[in-house]
């Protein structure tokens, strides 16, 4: 992993730490709607790009989400064990 990749991961984790308190305590449907809107806002930033690029970005995003699910399940299991 390059130094640039590590920096991007660290930066993204800081953003996650800032966002989590705003999502916590809300119904899953509300959280889902907020995350969907944020994703749409992100993709709309590519409004000058063709639809194919937005579809590719969205597909890569979904793959990333799917890949992170098992990682986050393990994190939650460890958090529960430490309670």
C-alpha atoms as a PDB file:
ATOM      1  CA  UNK A   1       0.000   0.000   0.000  1.00  0.00           C
ATOM      2  CA  UNK A   2       1.414   3.362  -0.983  1.00  0.00           C
ATOM      3  CA  UNK A   3       1.817   6.295   1.368  1.00  0.00           C
ATOM      4  CA  UNK A   4      -0.827   8.156  -0.639  1.00  0.00           C
ATOM      5  CA  UNK A   5      -3.319   5.305  -0.166  1.00  0.00           C
ATOM      6  CA  UNK A   6      -2.671   5.215   3.585  1.00  0.00           C
ATOM      7  CA  UNK A   7      -3.252   8.966   3.751  1.00  0.00           C
ATOM      8  CA  UNK A   8      -6.546   8.650   1.863  1.00  0.00           C
ATOM      9  CA  UNK A   9      -7.730   5.850   4.169  1.00  0.00           C
ATOM     10  CA  UNK A  10      -6.848   7.880   7.244  1.00  0.00           C
ATOM     11  CA  UNK A  11      -8.645  10.922   5.826  1.00  0.00           C
ATOM     12  CA  UNK A  12     -11.744   8.878   4.995  1.00  0.00           C
ATOM     13  CA  UNK A  13     -11.796   7.423   8.526  1.00  0.00           C
ATOM     14  CA  UNK A  14     -11.723  10.941   9.986  1.00  0.00           C
ATOM     15  CA  UNK A  15     -14.773  11.819   7.869  1.00  0.00           C
ATOM     16  CA  UNK A  16     -16.516   8.628   9.042  1.00  0.00           C
ATOM     17  CA  UNK A  17     -15.844   9.592  12.678  1.00  0.00           C
ATOM     18  CA  UNK A  18     -17.447  12.973  12.034  1.00  0.00           C
ATOM     19  CA  UNK A  19     -20.508  11.500  10.281  1.00  0.00           C
ATOM     20  CA  UNK A  20     -21.309   8.584  12.607  1.00  0.00           C
ATOM     21  CA  UNK A  21     -22.664  10.716  15.465  1.00  0.00           C
ATOM     22  CA  UNK A  22     -25.080  12.377  13.034  1.00  0.00           C
ATOM     23  CA  UNK A  23     -26.437   8.991  11.909  1.00  0.00           C
ATOM     24  CA  UNK A  24     -26.485   7.287  15.309  1.00  0.00           C
ATOM     25  CA  UNK A  25     -29.870   6.926  16.942  1.00  0.00           C
ATOM     26  CA  UNK A  26     -31.874   7.408  13.764  1.00  0.00           C
ATOM     27  CA  UNK A  27     -34.019   4.703  12.226  1.00  0.00           C
ATOM     28  CA  UNK A  28     -32.220   2.526   9.655  1.00  0.00           C
ATOM     29  CA  UNK A  29     -34.546   3.920   6.980  1.00  0.00           C
ATOM     30  CA  UNK A  30     -33.483   7.475   7.822  1.00  0.00           C
ATOM     31  CA  UNK A  31     -29.806   6.501   7.833  1.00  0.00           C
ATOM     32  CA  UNK A  32     -30.252   4.742   4.493  1.00  0.00           C
ATOM     33  CA  UNK A  33     -31.992   7.745   2.951  1.00  0.00           C
ATOM     34  CA  UNK A  34     -29.223  10.075   4.142  1.00  0.00           C
ATOM     35  CA  UNK A  35     -26.483   7.809   2.797  1.00  0.00           C
ATOM     36  CA  UNK A  36     -28.326   7.400  -0.511  1.00  0.00           C
ATOM     37  CA  UNK A  37     -28.638  11.168  -0.847  1.00  0.00           C
ATOM     38  CA  UNK A  38     -24.949  11.669  -0.060  1.00  0.00           C
ATOM     39  CA  UNK A  39     -24.072   9.053  -2.693  1.00  0.00           C
ATOM     40  CA  UNK A  40     -26.286  10.792  -5.240  1.00  0.00           C
ATOM     41  CA  UNK A  41     -24.671  14.132  -4.389  1.00  0.00           C
ATOM     42  CA  UNK A  42     -21.245  12.583  -4.950  1.00  0.00           C
ATOM     43  CA  UNK A  43     -22.249  11.055  -8.297  1.00  0.00           C
ATOM     44  CA  UNK A  44     -23.986  14.229  -9.439  1.00  0.00           C
ATOM     45  CA  UNK A  45     -20.587  15.893  -9.213  1.00  0.00           C
ATOM     46  CA  UNK A  46     -19.826  13.982 -12.409  1.00  0.00           C
ATOM     47  CA  UNK A  47     -22.727  15.609 -14.264  1.00  0.00           C
ATOM     48  CA  UNK A  48     -20.425  16.549 -17.154  1.00  0.00           C
ATOM     49  CA  UNK A  49     -19.325  12.926 -17.517  1.00  0.00           C
ATOM     50  CA  UNK A  50     -21.239  10.406 -19.549  1.00  0.00           C
ATOM     51  CA  UNK A  51     -23.630   7.952 -17.928  1.00  0.00           C
ATOM     52  CA  UNK A  52     -21.170   5.083 -18.436  1.00  0.00           C
ATOM     53  CA  UNK A  53     -18.597   6.707 -16.159  1.00  0.00           C
ATOM     54  CA  UNK A  54     -21.174   7.344 -13.430  1.00  0.00           C
ATOM     55  CA  UNK A  55     -22.309   3.710 -13.707  1.00  0.00           C
ATOM     56  CA  UNK A  56     -18.706   2.515 -13.403  1.00  0.00           C
ATOM     57  CA  UNK A  57     -18.095   4.749 -10.381  1.00  0.00           C
ATOM     58  CA  UNK A  58     -21.308   3.522  -8.753  1.00  0.00           C
ATOM     59  CA  UNK A  59     -20.450  -0.129  -9.452  1.00  0.00           C
ATOM     60  CA  UNK A  60     -16.996   0.352  -7.903  1.00  0.00           C
ATOM     61  CA  UNK A  61     -18.604   2.095  -4.933  1.00  0.00           C
ATOM     62  CA  UNK A  62     -21.010  -0.825  -4.393  1.00  0.00           C
ATOM     63  CA  UNK A  63     -18.128  -3.300  -4.607  1.00  0.00           C
ATOM     64  CA  UNK A  64     -16.270  -1.306  -1.975  1.00  0.00           C
ATOM     65  CA  UNK A  65     -19.347  -1.296   0.287  1.00  0.00           C
ATOM     66  CA  UNK A  66     -19.754  -5.058  -0.126  1.00  0.00           C
ATOM     67  CA  UNK A  67     -16.069  -5.642   0.612  1.00  0.00           C
ATOM     68  CA  UNK A  68     -16.299  -3.540   3.782  1.00  0.00           C
ATOM     69  CA  UNK A  69     -19.309  -5.389   5.229  1.00  0.00           C
ATOM     70  CA  UNK A  70     -17.339  -8.420   6.574  1.00  0.00           C
ATOM     71  CA  UNK A  71     -14.648  -6.097   7.938  1.00  0.00           C
ATOM     72  CA  UNK A  72     -17.238  -4.059   9.823  1.00  0.00           C
ATOM     73  CA  UNK A  73     -19.014  -7.177  11.088  1.00  0.00           C
ATOM     74  CA  UNK A  74     -15.744  -8.306  12.665  1.00  0.00           C
ATOM     75  CA  UNK A  75     -15.212  -4.863  14.193  1.00  0.00           C
ATOM     76  CA  UNK A  76     -18.707  -4.945  15.721  1.00  0.00           C
ATOM     77  CA  UNK A  77     -18.176  -8.465  17.078  1.00  0.00           C
ATOM     78  CA  UNK A  78     -14.969  -7.354  18.793  1.00  0.00           C
ATOM     79  CA  UNK A  79     -16.699  -4.270  20.193  1.00  0.00           C
ATOM     80  CA  UNK A  80     -19.452  -6.470  21.660  1.00  0.00           C
ATOM     81  CA  UNK A  81     -16.893  -8.845  23.160  1.00  0.00           C
ATOM     82  CA  UNK A  82     -15.177  -5.938  24.899  1.00  0.00           C
ATOM     83  CA  UNK A  83     -18.378  -4.729  26.569  1.00  0.00           C
END
